[in-house]
Amino acid sequence: QYEVSLTPQYSGLSGSPIRFGITNELAVTTAPGPYTIRLYTDNPAITLTASQDAQQASYRYSWLAACTTPANGRQAVVEAGSPLSVVVLGNPVVGESVDALIGGVAGQAVELILTDLAGKRLHQQSIPQVSGTERVVVPVPAGQAMTILKVSTATQQQTVKLIRQ
């Protein structure tokens, strides 16, 4: 049994409350943290979730590996680098596309996938290497009241609901 304390750090904030939770461990809350939970070795990874307005993010954290490193987990934070940041300009969607700002992952490859609510792929785009904050135009087909934009790197992902006005 381990007692794990987490203090999430966020970027790209809008000023609205952030809802944070840990799947099957901590109910969603707007309390600022730190969060302390008891974990067992039979569950070596947890899924952290955060949402603000229409933006959602999740991160699979291998807490057991981090807690058993010589640096007592601090090394895992350093290796993780900056968090993936996705800001959609123009949500609700008015035209045929939206601009998305991708940040926090300079030098990494990023994949964007737009799907309908049934999971049907509507658009896919890859960026081999993000430079600083990358502005990407994502086409949003007409006739879709709501679509899902998933932006992911090798280690992180964010999902944003796009609503057509």
Protein backbone atom coordinates (compact mmCIF):
# COMPACT_ATOMS: atom_id res chain seq x y z
CA GLN A 1 0.00 0.00 0.00
CA TYR A 2 1.27 3.47 -0.93
CA GLU A 3 0.03 6.94 -0.11
CA VAL A 4 0.53 9.11 -3.19
CA SER A 5 0.19 12.91 -3.25
CA LEU A 6 -0.31 14.76 -6.52
CA THR A 7 -0.34 18.46 -7.33
CA PRO A 8 -1.34 18.91 -10.99
CA GLN A 9 0.10 21.79 -13.00
CA TYR A 10 -2.04 23.19 -15.80
CA SER A 11 -1.38 25.40 -18.82
CA GLY A 12 -3.63 27.24 -21.25
CA LEU A 13 -6.19 28.15 -18.59
CA SER A 14 -9.29 30.22 -19.33
CA GLY A 15 -10.14 31.30 -15.79
CA SER A 16 -13.08 28.86 -15.47
CA PRO A 17 -12.93 26.18 -12.76
CA ILE A 18 -10.88 23.07 -13.53
CA ARG A 19 -12.48 19.71 -12.82
CA PHE A 20 -9.88 17.12 -11.79
CA GLY A 21 -10.32 13.43 -11.07
CA ILE A 22 -8.52 10.11 -10.95
CA THR A 23 -10.49 7.31 -12.60
CA ASN A 24 -11.74 4.80 -9.98
CA GLU A 25 -9.72 6.53 -7.23
CA LEU A 26 -10.83 10.16 -6.77
CA ALA A 27 -14.20 11.61 -7.71
CA VAL A 28 -14.13 14.66 -9.97
CA THR A 29 -13.60 17.83 -7.94
CA THR A 30 -12.84 21.51 -8.40
CA ALA A 31 -10.73 21.62 -5.21
CA PRO A 32 -7.23 22.94 -6.06
CA GLY A 33 -5.18 20.07 -4.60
CA PRO A 34 -2.79 18.62 -3.61
CA TYR A 35 -4.65 15.32 -3.78
CA THR A 36 -3.64 12.36 -1.61
CA ILE A 37 -4.84 8.84 -2.39
CA ARG A 38 -4.02 5.32 -1.20
CA LEU A 39 -2.93 2.96 -3.97
CA TYR A 40 -1.99 -0.70 -4.12
CA THR A 41 0.60 -2.45 -6.26
CA ASP A 42 -2.07 -4.44 -8.14
CA ASN A 43 -3.01 -1.15 -9.87
CA PRO A 44 0.41 0.19 -11.05
CA ALA A 45 -1.00 2.98 -13.27
CA ILE A 46 -3.81 5.50 -12.81
CA THR A 47 -5.63 7.78 -15.24
CA LEU A 48 -5.67 11.46 -14.33
CA THR A 49 -8.43 13.53 -15.94
CA ALA A 50 -8.94 17.27 -16.11
CA SER A 51 -11.49 19.39 -17.91
CA GLN A 52 -12.22 23.07 -18.25
CA ASP A 53 -15.11 24.42 -20.30
CA ALA A 54 -15.22 22.20 -23.45
CA GLN A 55 -11.57 21.09 -23.16
CA GLN A 56 -10.68 17.71 -21.72
CA ALA A 57 -7.38 16.01 -21.05
CA SER A 58 -6.30 12.69 -19.61
CA TYR A 59 -2.93 11.24 -18.70
CA ARG A 60 -2.03 7.65 -17.80
CA TYR A 61 0.45 7.89 -14.91
CA SER A 62 2.60 4.88 -13.96
CA TRP A 63 2.77 5.82 -10.30
CA LEU A 64 4.33 2.55 -9.09
CA ALA A 65 7.30 2.85 -11.46
CA ALA A 66 7.73 6.48 -10.41
CA CYS A 67 7.55 5.64 -6.69
CA THR A 68 10.15 2.89 -6.96
CA THR A 69 12.79 4.93 -8.84
CA PRO A 70 15.81 6.09 -6.84
CA ALA A 71 14.52 9.68 -6.97
CA ASN A 72 11.19 8.63 -5.35
CA GLY A 73 9.15 9.68 -8.36
CA ARG A 74 10.74 13.05 -9.01
CA GLN A 75 12.55 11.66 -12.04
CA ALA A 76 9.22 10.75 -13.68
CA VAL A 77 8.09 14.37 -13.50
CA VAL A 78 11.27 15.57 -15.20
CA GLU A 79 10.97 12.97 -17.97
CA ALA A 80 7.35 13.88 -18.67
CA GLY A 81 8.32 17.35 -19.93
CA SER A 82 5.74 20.02 -20.54
CA PRO A 83 2.08 19.06 -20.68
CA LEU A 84 0.33 18.99 -24.03
CA SER A 85 -1.76 22.11 -24.49
CA VAL A 86 -4.61 22.33 -27.01
CA VAL A 87 -6.54 25.57 -27.46
CA VAL A 88 -9.30 25.68 -30.06
CA LEU A 89 -9.97 29.12 -31.51
CA GLY A 90 -13.60 29.41 -32.55
CA ASN A 91 -15.58 26.90 -30.53
CA PRO A 92 -18.52 26.81 -31.23
CA VAL A 93 -17.54 26.28 -34.87
CA VAL A 94 -18.96 28.88 -37.26
CA GLY A 95 -17.25 28.18 -40.61
CA GLU A 96 -15.78 25.17 -42.38
CA SER A 97 -12.76 24.85 -40.08
CA VAL A 98 -11.27 25.76 -36.72
CA ASP A 99 -7.76 26.76 -35.74
CA ALA A 100 -6.12 24.75 -32.97
CA LEU A 101 -3.04 25.92 -31.09
CA ILE A 102 -0.82 22.99 -30.07
CA GLY A 103 1.78 23.77 -27.43
CA GLY A 104 3.94 22.36 -24.67
CA VAL A 105 5.38 19.58 -26.84
CA ALA A 106 8.06 21.28 -28.95
CA GLY A 107 10.15 18.78 -30.91
CA GLN A 108 7.58 15.99 -30.61
CA ALA A 109 5.36 14.41 -33.24
CA VAL A 110 1.65 15.13 -32.88
CA GLU A 111 -1.38 13.46 -34.44
CA LEU A 112 -4.80 15.11 -34.74
CA ILE A 113 -7.88 12.97 -35.36
CA LEU A 114 -11.37 14.43 -35.83
CA THR A 115 -14.27 11.99 -35.39
CA ASP A 116 -18.04 12.16 -35.22
CA LEU A 117 -19.80 11.02 -32.04
CA ALA A 118 -20.01 7.45 -33.39
CA GLY A 119 -16.21 7.35 -33.73
CA LYS A 120 -16.11 7.62 -37.53
CA ARG A 121 -12.88 9.31 -38.61
CA LEU A 122 -13.59 12.59 -40.44
CA HIS A 123 -10.06 14.02 -40.64
CA GLN A 124 -6.56 12.97 -39.66
CA GLN A 125 -3.41 15.06 -39.68
CA SER A 126 0.14 14.45 -38.47
CA ILE A 127 2.79 16.96 -37.52
CA PRO A 128 6.22 15.28 -37.57
CA GLN A 129 7.77 17.83 -35.20
CA VAL A 130 5.99 20.65 -33.37
CA SER A 131 7.95 23.90 -33.22
CA GLY A 132 6.96 26.02 -30.22
CA THR A 133 3.24 26.68 -30.42
CA GLU A 134 1.87 25.28 -33.68
CA ARG A 135 -1.28 26.68 -35.29
CA VAL A 136 -3.20 23.99 -37.19
CA VAL A 137 -6.29 24.42 -39.36
CA VAL A 138 -8.73 21.54 -38.84
CA PRO A 139 -11.55 21.15 -41.39
CA VAL A 140 -14.91 20.47 -39.72
CA PRO A 141 -17.51 18.99 -42.11
CA ALA A 142 -20.91 20.68 -42.30
CA GLY A 143 -23.83 18.70 -40.96
CA GLN A 144 -22.01 17.61 -37.80
CA ALA A 145 -23.56 19.22 -34.69
CA MET A 146 -20.71 17.94 -32.53
CA THR A 147 -17.33 16.40 -33.35
CA ILE A 148 -14.43 15.18 -31.25
CA LEU A 149 -10.86 16.38 -31.83
CA LYS A 150 -8.22 14.11 -30.30
CA VAL A 151 -4.68 15.47 -30.21
CA SER A 152 -1.96 13.07 -29.10
CA THR A 153 1.78 12.61 -28.77
CA ALA A 154 3.56 9.35 -27.94
CA THR A 155 2.86 9.90 -24.22
CA GLN A 156 0.00 12.41 -23.87
CA GLN A 157 -3.41 13.10 -25.33
CA GLN A 158 -6.15 15.71 -25.11
CA THR A 159 -9.69 15.48 -26.37
CA VAL A 160 -11.81 18.53 -27.22
CA LYS A 161 -15.49 18.56 -28.16
CA LEU A 162 -16.22 20.86 -31.10
CA ILE A 163 -19.76 22.20 -31.25
CA ARG A 164 -21.23 23.63 -34.45
CA GLN A 165 -23.14 26.86 -33.99
